[in-house]
């Protein structure tokens, strides 16, 4: 059984006991959260989507908050002496899917 769910503006294919990294979510470590924006669900070869999924939820537990790898942004214009270096580290939340309710 799996489901496609929208979490923080992104779509993920999730199954029970799966761990995924999503953009930073509000909540403390160990807290339980539910996502009700289920787009598609599959159970024993039968698919449900649209109005068949009213009341469907995906429940998860927050495992940790962490930062991703550093991304370096370097801009340069040749022969002008213009150089600009910048970096960014994205905030992530690691969650574990505890159940899918149809």
N, C-alpha and C. Protein backbone atom coordinates (compact mmCIF):
# COMPACT_ATOMS: atom_id res chain seq x y z
N UNK A 1 0.84 -1.17 0.00
CA UNK A 1 0.00 0.00 0.00
C UNK A 1 0.89 1.24 0.00
N UNK A 2 0.59 2.16 -0.89
CA UNK A 2 1.31 3.42 -0.92
C UNK A 2 0.35 4.55 -1.26
N UNK A 3 0.82 5.78 -1.05
CA UNK A 3 0.01 6.95 -1.35
C UNK A 3 0.91 8.05 -1.87
N UNK A 4 0.34 8.92 -2.68
CA UNK A 4 1.04 10.13 -3.11
C UNK A 4 0.39 11.29 -2.36
N UNK A 5 1.21 11.99 -1.58
CA UNK A 5 0.71 13.03 -0.69
C UNK A 5 1.48 14.32 -0.93
N UNK A 6 0.80 15.45 -0.77
CA UNK A 6 1.43 16.75 -0.92
C UNK A 6 1.86 17.25 0.47
N UNK A 7 3.16 17.46 0.64
CA UNK A 7 3.73 17.92 1.91
C UNK A 7 4.56 19.16 1.63
N UNK A 8 4.19 20.28 2.22
CA UNK A 8 4.93 21.54 2.10
C UNK A 8 5.15 21.93 0.63
N UNK A 9 4.13 21.74 -0.21
CA UNK A 9 4.21 22.15 -1.60
C UNK A 9 4.90 21.17 -2.52
N UNK A 10 5.33 20.02 -2.02
CA UNK A 10 5.96 19.00 -2.85
C UNK A 10 5.17 17.70 -2.74
N UNK A 11 5.25 16.87 -3.78
CA UNK A 11 4.53 15.60 -3.79
C UNK A 11 5.51 14.47 -3.53
N UNK A 12 5.11 13.55 -2.64
CA UNK A 12 5.95 12.42 -2.27
C UNK A 12 5.16 11.13 -2.38
N UNK A 13 5.82 10.07 -2.85
CA UNK A 13 5.23 8.74 -2.84
C UNK A 13 5.69 8.10 -1.53
N UNK A 14 4.74 7.77 -0.65
CA UNK A 14 5.09 7.27 0.67
C UNK A 14 4.43 5.93 0.94
N UNK A 15 5.08 5.16 1.81
CA UNK A 15 4.56 3.88 2.28
C UNK A 15 4.78 3.82 3.78
N UNK A 16 4.14 2.90 4.44
CA UNK A 16 4.27 2.78 5.90
C UNK A 16 5.72 2.46 6.28
N UNK A 17 6.18 3.04 7.36
CA UNK A 17 7.54 2.87 7.91
C UNK A 17 8.64 3.45 7.03
N UNK A 18 8.29 4.26 6.06
CA UNK A 18 9.30 4.91 5.21
C UNK A 18 9.75 6.22 5.85
N UNK A 19 11.05 6.53 5.73
CA UNK A 19 11.59 7.78 6.25
C UNK A 19 11.94 8.68 5.08
N UNK A 20 11.49 9.94 5.12
CA UNK A 20 11.77 10.89 4.04
C UNK A 20 12.19 12.23 4.62
N UNK A 21 12.88 13.01 3.80
CA UNK A 21 13.27 14.37 4.14
C UNK A 21 12.35 15.33 3.41
N UNK A 22 11.72 16.25 4.15
CA UNK A 22 10.85 17.27 3.57
C UNK A 22 11.34 18.64 4.01
N UNK A 23 10.85 19.69 3.34
CA UNK A 23 11.21 21.04 3.77
C UNK A 23 10.75 21.24 5.21
N UNK A 24 11.42 22.11 5.91
CA UNK A 24 11.22 22.32 7.35
C UNK A 24 9.74 22.45 7.71
N UNK A 25 9.31 21.64 8.68
CA UNK A 25 7.93 21.66 9.18
C UNK A 25 7.91 22.17 10.61
N UNK A 26 6.81 22.77 11.00
CA UNK A 26 6.63 23.22 12.37
C UNK A 26 6.37 22.00 13.25
N UNK A 27 6.90 22.02 14.45
CA UNK A 27 6.66 20.93 15.39
C UNK A 27 7.96 20.48 16.03
N UNK A 28 7.81 19.88 17.21
CA UNK A 28 8.97 19.39 17.94
C UNK A 28 9.31 17.98 17.51
N UNK A 29 10.55 17.57 17.84
CA UNK A 29 10.96 16.20 17.53
C UNK A 29 10.13 15.23 18.36
N UNK A 30 9.67 14.17 17.73
CA UNK A 30 8.83 13.20 18.40
C UNK A 30 7.34 13.47 18.28
N UNK A 31 6.97 14.64 17.76
CA UNK A 31 5.56 15.00 17.62
C UNK A 31 4.94 14.26 16.43
N UNK A 32 3.64 14.01 16.53
CA UNK A 32 2.92 13.36 15.43
C UNK A 32 2.20 14.43 14.61
N UNK A 33 2.21 14.23 13.29
CA UNK A 33 1.53 15.15 12.39
C UNK A 33 0.71 14.35 11.39
N UNK A 34 -0.30 14.99 10.82
CA UNK A 34 -1.14 14.34 9.81
C UNK A 34 -1.24 15.21 8.57
N UNK A 35 -1.22 14.57 7.42
CA UNK A 35 -1.37 15.25 6.14
C UNK A 35 -2.66 14.76 5.50
N UNK A 36 -3.56 15.70 5.19
CA UNK A 36 -4.84 15.28 4.62
C UNK A 36 -4.94 15.54 3.13
N UNK A 37 -3.87 16.03 2.51
CA UNK A 37 -3.89 16.29 1.07
C UNK A 37 -3.33 15.08 0.31
N UNK A 38 -4.08 13.97 0.38
CA UNK A 38 -3.70 12.74 -0.33
C UNK A 38 -4.22 12.84 -1.75
N UNK A 39 -3.33 12.64 -2.73
CA UNK A 39 -3.70 12.79 -4.13
C UNK A 39 -4.06 11.47 -4.79
N UNK A 40 -3.38 10.38 -4.36
CA UNK A 40 -3.62 9.07 -4.94
C UNK A 40 -3.29 8.03 -3.89
N UNK A 41 -4.01 6.92 -3.91
CA UNK A 41 -3.72 5.82 -2.99
C UNK A 41 -3.88 4.50 -3.73
N UNK A 42 -2.99 3.55 -3.41
CA UNK A 42 -3.04 2.22 -4.02
C UNK A 42 -3.12 1.20 -2.90
N UNK A 43 -4.06 0.27 -3.01
CA UNK A 43 -4.21 -0.78 -2.01
C UNK A 43 -4.54 -2.08 -2.73
N UNK A 44 -3.63 -3.02 -2.71
CA UNK A 44 -3.80 -4.34 -3.34
C UNK A 44 -4.18 -4.22 -4.81
N UNK A 45 -3.53 -3.35 -5.54
CA UNK A 45 -3.76 -3.20 -6.97
C UNK A 45 -4.94 -2.32 -7.35
N UNK A 46 -5.68 -1.81 -6.38
CA UNK A 46 -6.81 -0.93 -6.66
C UNK A 46 -6.41 0.51 -6.34
N UNK A 47 -6.65 1.39 -7.28
CA UNK A 47 -6.28 2.79 -7.13
C UNK A 47 -7.48 3.64 -6.75
N UNK A 48 -7.24 4.63 -5.92
CA UNK A 48 -8.28 5.60 -5.55
C UNK A 48 -7.71 6.99 -5.76
N UNK A 49 -8.52 7.87 -6.35
CA UNK A 49 -8.12 9.26 -6.49
C UNK A 49 -9.33 10.16 -6.55
N UNK A 50 -9.07 11.44 -6.37
CA UNK A 50 -10.15 12.42 -6.43
C UNK A 50 -11.12 12.31 -5.27
N UNK A 51 -12.42 12.24 -5.58
CA UNK A 51 -13.45 12.24 -4.54
C UNK A 51 -13.49 10.94 -3.74
N UNK A 52 -12.84 9.87 -4.24
CA UNK A 52 -12.77 8.62 -3.49
C UNK A 52 -11.91 8.76 -2.24
N UNK A 53 -11.11 9.80 -2.17
CA UNK A 53 -10.16 9.96 -1.07
C UNK A 53 -10.62 10.94 0.01
N UNK A 54 -11.91 11.22 0.08
CA UNK A 54 -12.39 12.12 1.15
C UNK A 54 -12.12 11.47 2.50
N UNK A 55 -11.47 12.21 3.39
CA UNK A 55 -11.14 11.70 4.72
C UNK A 55 -9.86 10.88 4.77
N UNK A 56 -9.16 10.73 3.65
CA UNK A 56 -7.90 9.99 3.66
C UNK A 56 -6.81 10.83 4.32
N UNK A 57 -5.99 10.18 5.13
CA UNK A 57 -4.93 10.88 5.84
C UNK A 57 -3.67 10.04 5.86
N UNK A 58 -2.54 10.75 5.92
CA UNK A 58 -1.25 10.10 6.12
C UNK A 58 -0.71 10.65 7.43
N UNK A 59 -0.40 9.77 8.36
CA UNK A 59 0.14 10.20 9.65
C UNK A 59 1.63 9.92 9.69
N UNK A 60 2.36 10.82 10.35
CA UNK A 60 3.81 10.72 10.40
C UNK A 60 4.31 11.20 11.75
N UNK A 61 5.57 10.88 12.04
CA UNK A 61 6.22 11.31 13.26
C UNK A 61 7.50 12.05 12.89
N UNK A 62 7.73 13.21 13.52
CA UNK A 62 8.94 13.99 13.26
C UNK A 62 10.11 13.34 13.98
N UNK A 63 11.14 12.96 13.22
CA UNK A 63 12.32 12.35 13.83
C UNK A 63 13.37 13.38 14.20
N UNK A 64 13.66 14.33 13.28
CA UNK A 64 14.68 15.34 13.58
C UNK A 64 14.58 16.49 12.59
N UNK A 65 15.16 17.62 13.00
CA UNK A 65 15.32 18.78 12.14
C UNK A 65 16.80 18.89 11.82
N UNK A 66 17.14 19.13 10.56
CA UNK A 66 18.55 19.21 10.18
C UNK A 66 18.74 20.10 8.97
N UNK A 67 20.00 20.35 8.64
CA UNK A 67 20.34 21.17 7.48
C UNK A 67 20.91 20.29 6.38
N UNK A 68 20.66 20.67 5.13
CA UNK A 68 21.19 19.95 3.99
C UNK A 68 22.62 20.37 3.69
N UNK A 69 23.17 19.84 2.62
CA UNK A 69 24.52 20.19 2.21
C UNK A 69 24.57 21.64 1.74
N UNK A 70 25.76 22.24 1.85
CA UNK A 70 25.92 23.62 1.44
C UNK A 70 25.99 23.71 -0.08
N UNK A 71 25.26 24.69 -0.62
CA UNK A 71 25.28 24.96 -2.05
C UNK A 71 26.01 26.28 -2.24
N UNK A 72 27.04 26.30 -3.07
CA UNK A 72 27.82 27.51 -3.32
C UNK A 72 27.29 28.20 -4.57
N UNK A 73 27.02 29.49 -4.45
CA UNK A 73 26.60 30.31 -5.59
C UNK A 73 27.74 31.27 -5.87
N UNK A 74 28.32 31.18 -7.06
CA UNK A 74 29.44 32.05 -7.42
C UNK A 74 29.12 32.76 -8.72
N UNK A 75 29.15 34.09 -8.68
CA UNK A 75 28.86 34.90 -9.87
C UNK A 75 30.10 35.68 -10.23
N UNK A 76 30.38 35.80 -11.53
CA UNK A 76 31.55 36.53 -11.98
C UNK A 76 31.28 37.14 -13.34
N UNK A 77 31.76 38.36 -13.53
CA UNK A 77 31.73 38.99 -14.85
C UNK A 77 33.17 39.18 -15.26
N UNK A 78 33.52 38.63 -16.38
CA UNK A 78 34.91 38.67 -16.79
C UNK A 78 35.36 40.08 -17.16
N UNK A 79 36.60 40.37 -16.87
CA UNK A 79 37.28 41.63 -17.17
C UNK A 79 36.68 42.84 -16.45
N UNK A 80 35.81 42.64 -15.49
CA UNK A 80 35.19 43.76 -14.80
C UNK A 80 35.57 43.80 -13.31
N UNK A 81 36.22 42.77 -12.82
CA UNK A 81 36.58 42.71 -11.41
C UNK A 81 35.41 42.41 -10.50
N UNK A 82 34.33 41.88 -11.06
CA UNK A 82 33.12 41.58 -10.28
C UNK A 82 33.10 40.11 -9.92
N UNK A 83 33.15 39.83 -8.61
CA UNK A 83 33.02 38.46 -8.12
C UNK A 83 32.10 38.48 -6.91
N UNK A 84 31.20 37.53 -6.85
CA UNK A 84 30.27 37.45 -5.74
C UNK A 84 30.14 35.98 -5.34
N UNK A 85 30.42 35.68 -4.08
CA UNK A 85 30.31 34.31 -3.59
C UNK A 85 29.27 34.28 -2.47
N UNK A 86 28.36 33.33 -2.55
CA UNK A 86 27.29 33.21 -1.59
C UNK A 86 27.04 31.72 -1.34
N UNK A 87 26.50 31.39 -0.19
CA UNK A 87 26.20 30.00 0.13
C UNK A 87 24.82 29.86 0.73
N UNK A 88 24.30 28.64 0.70
CA UNK A 88 22.96 28.39 1.24
C UNK A 88 22.89 26.96 1.75
N UNK A 89 22.27 26.78 2.91
CA UNK A 89 21.98 25.44 3.45
C UNK A 89 20.50 25.35 3.73
N UNK A 90 19.82 24.44 3.06
CA UNK A 90 18.37 24.27 3.19
C UNK A 90 18.03 23.56 4.50
N UNK A 91 16.97 24.02 5.17
CA UNK A 91 16.48 23.38 6.39
C UNK A 91 15.54 22.23 6.01
N UNK A 92 15.78 21.05 6.59
CA UNK A 92 14.96 19.87 6.32
C UNK A 92 14.40 19.30 7.61
N UNK A 93 13.34 18.53 7.48
CA UNK A 93 12.78 17.76 8.58
C UNK A 93 12.72 16.31 8.14
N UNK A 94 13.24 15.41 8.97
CA UNK A 94 13.19 13.99 8.67
C UNK A 94 11.96 13.42 9.37
N UNK A 95 11.06 12.82 8.56
CA UNK A 95 9.83 12.26 9.13
C UNK A 95 9.73 10.77 8.79
N UNK A 96 9.00 10.06 9.63
CA UNK A 96 8.73 8.64 9.38
C UNK A 96 7.22 8.48 9.25
N UNK A 97 6.80 7.83 8.17
CA UNK A 97 5.38 7.59 7.92
C UNK A 97 4.91 6.45 8.83
N UNK A 98 3.93 6.75 9.68
CA UNK A 98 3.46 5.75 10.64
C UNK A 98 2.18 5.05 10.18
N UNK A 99 1.44 5.66 9.25
CA UNK A 99 0.23 4.99 8.78
C UNK A 99 -0.47 5.75 7.66
N UNK A 100 -1.20 5.00 6.86
CA UNK A 100 -2.01 5.58 5.78
C UNK A 100 -3.45 5.13 6.02
N UNK A 101 -4.35 6.10 6.20
CA UNK A 101 -5.75 5.79 6.48
C UNK A 101 -6.60 6.23 5.29
N UNK A 102 -7.36 5.29 4.74
CA UNK A 102 -8.25 5.60 3.64
C UNK A 102 -9.66 5.70 4.17
